Amino acid sequence: MTAPKVGCHCFTFSDVPHIISLALQLLWKYDFVHRDVSTGNVLWDPKLRGGRLGDLEFMINVRDTSSDDAKTVR
């Protein structure tokens, strides 16, 4: 699969895995982990032909050691 052209608004549904991968890479670049990637958290708008990664409730910063989050195993 070739990467979609960013900024052209010409994404198709088949580009969604690549777009989500880019979103996760961007989060990781800033030391965040999503922790709940699933089909229910991928939002696709067919009119705009674009997608988003939603439900950031369980996202954590991997550098933050002060968190007392029982859901997180470090």
C-alpha atoms as a PDB file:
ATOM      1  CA  MET A   1       0.000   0.000   0.000  1.00  0.00           C
ATOM      2  CA  THR A   2       1.318   3.431  -0.873  1.00  0.00           C
ATOM      3  CA  ALA A   3       1.051   6.183   1.689  1.00  0.00           C
ATOM      4  CA  PRO A   4      -1.778   8.658   1.043  1.00  0.00           C
ATOM      5  CA  LYS A   5      -0.789  12.185   0.110  1.00  0.00           C
ATOM      6  CA  VAL A   6      -1.100  14.259   3.276  1.00  0.00           C
ATOM      7  CA  GLY A   7      -3.142  17.417   2.838  1.00  0.00           C
ATOM      8  CA  CYS A   8      -4.900  16.383  -0.367  1.00  0.00           C
ATOM      9  CA  HIS A   9      -8.134  15.135   1.271  1.00  0.00           C
ATOM     10  CA  CYS A  10      -8.100  12.195  -1.111  1.00  0.00           C
ATOM     11  CA  PHE A  11      -8.004   9.400   1.453  1.00  0.00           C
ATOM     12  CA  THR A  12     -10.089   6.305   0.983  1.00  0.00           C
ATOM     13  CA  PHE A  13     -11.261   3.808   3.564  1.00  0.00           C
ATOM     14  CA  SER A  14      -8.392   1.504   2.598  1.00  0.00           C
ATOM     15  CA  ASP A  15      -5.971   4.233   3.777  1.00  0.00           C
ATOM     16  CA  VAL A  16      -7.326   4.090   7.359  1.00  0.00           C
ATOM     17  CA  PRO A  17      -4.740   1.601   8.716  1.00  0.00           C
ATOM     18  CA  HIS A  18      -1.928   3.817   7.454  1.00  0.00           C
ATOM     19  CA  ILE A  19      -3.560   6.973   8.862  1.00  0.00           C
ATOM     20  CA  ILE A  20      -4.034   5.305  12.274  1.00  0.00           C
ATOM     21  CA  SER A  21      -0.421   4.149  12.168  1.00  0.00           C
ATOM     22  CA  LEU A  22       0.688   7.736  11.564  1.00  0.00           C
ATOM     23  CA  ALA A  23      -1.478   8.946  14.462  1.00  0.00           C
ATOM     24  CA  LEU A  24       0.069   6.351  16.796  1.00  0.00           C
ATOM     25  CA  GLN A  25       3.586   7.276  15.620  1.00  0.00           C
ATOM     26  CA  LEU A  26       2.859  10.936  16.363  1.00  0.00           C
ATOM     27  CA  LEU A  27       1.607  10.072  19.861  1.00  0.00           C
ATOM     28  CA  TRP A  28       4.726   7.942  20.471  1.00  0.00           C
ATOM     29  CA  LYS A  29       6.977  10.786  19.272  1.00  0.00           C
ATOM     30  CA  TYR A  30       5.630  12.856  22.180  1.00  0.00           C
ATOM     31  CA  ASP A  31       5.913   9.923  24.647  1.00  0.00           C
ATOM     32  CA  PHE A  32       2.244   8.943  24.673  1.00  0.00           C
ATOM     33  CA  VAL A  33       0.656   5.514  24.273  1.00  0.00           C
ATOM     34  CA  HIS A  34      -3.033   5.217  23.299  1.00  0.00           C
ATOM     35  CA  ARG A  35      -3.721   1.829  25.001  1.00  0.00           C
ATOM     36  CA  ASP A  36      -7.211   1.357  23.508  1.00  0.00           C
ATOM     37  CA  VAL A  37      -6.890   1.143  19.731  1.00  0.00           C
ATOM     38  CA  SER A  38      -9.890  -0.722  18.366  1.00  0.00           C
ATOM     39  CA  THR A  39     -12.374  -0.416  15.532  1.00  0.00           C
ATOM     40  CA  GLY A  40     -14.727   1.430  17.883  1.00  0.00           C
ATOM     41  CA  ASN A  41     -12.139   4.155  18.403  1.00  0.00           C
ATOM     42  CA  VAL A  42     -11.392   4.777  14.742  1.00  0.00           C
ATOM     43  CA  LEU A  43     -13.717   7.468  13.461  1.00  0.00           C
ATOM     44  CA  TRP A  44     -14.184   7.665   9.680  1.00  0.00           C
ATOM     45  CA  ASP A  45     -16.082  10.481   7.964  1.00  0.00           C
ATOM     46  CA  PRO A  46     -17.030   9.419   4.422  1.00  0.00           C
ATOM     47  CA  LYS A  47     -18.074  12.962   3.426  1.00  0.00           C
ATOM     48  CA  LEU A  48     -14.706  14.417   4.403  1.00  0.00           C
ATOM     49  CA  ARG A  49     -12.954  11.185   3.392  1.00  0.00           C
ATOM     50  CA  GLY A  50     -10.822  11.385   6.501  1.00  0.00           C
ATOM     51  CA  GLY A  51     -10.408   9.675   9.817  1.00  0.00           C
ATOM     52  CA  ARG A  52      -9.485  10.281  13.424  1.00  0.00           C
ATOM     53  CA  LEU A  53      -8.317   8.241  16.357  1.00  0.00           C
ATOM     54  CA  GLY A  54     -10.680   8.765  19.264  1.00  0.00           C
ATOM     55  CA  ASP A  55     -11.171   7.808  22.904  1.00  0.00           C
ATOM     56  CA  LEU A  56      -7.998   9.114  24.465  1.00  0.00           C
ATOM     57  CA  GLU A  57      -9.283   8.367  27.986  1.00  0.00           C
ATOM     58  CA  PHE A  58      -6.636   5.731  28.723  1.00  0.00           C
ATOM     59  CA  MET A  59      -3.762   7.464  26.946  1.00  0.00           C
ATOM     60  CA  ILE A  60      -0.675   7.797  29.120  1.00  0.00           C
ATOM     61  CA  ASN A  61       2.640   9.561  28.977  1.00  0.00           C
ATOM     62  CA  VAL A  62       5.314   6.872  29.203  1.00  0.00           C
ATOM     63  CA  ARG A  63       7.751   9.306  30.830  1.00  0.00           C
ATOM     64  CA  ASP A  64       5.358  10.163  33.678  1.00  0.00           C
ATOM     65  CA  THR A  65       6.271   7.873  36.581  1.00  0.00           C
ATOM     66  CA  SER A  66       4.000   9.658  39.079  1.00  0.00           C
ATOM     67  CA  SER A  67       0.847   8.008  37.727  1.00  0.00           C
ATOM     68  CA  ASP A  68      -0.911   5.653  40.109  1.00  0.00           C
ATOM     69  CA  ASP A  69      -3.007   4.109  37.358  1.00  0.00           C
ATOM     70  CA  ALA A  70      -4.034   0.576  38.296  1.00  0.00           C
ATOM     71  CA  LYS A  71      -4.707  -0.216  34.623  1.00  0.00           C
ATOM     72  CA  THR A  72      -1.079   0.393  33.710  1.00  0.00           C
ATOM     73  CA  VAL A  73       1.610  -2.252  34.057  1.00  0.00           C
ATOM     74  CA  ARG A  74       5.101  -0.796  33.740  1.00  0.00           C
END
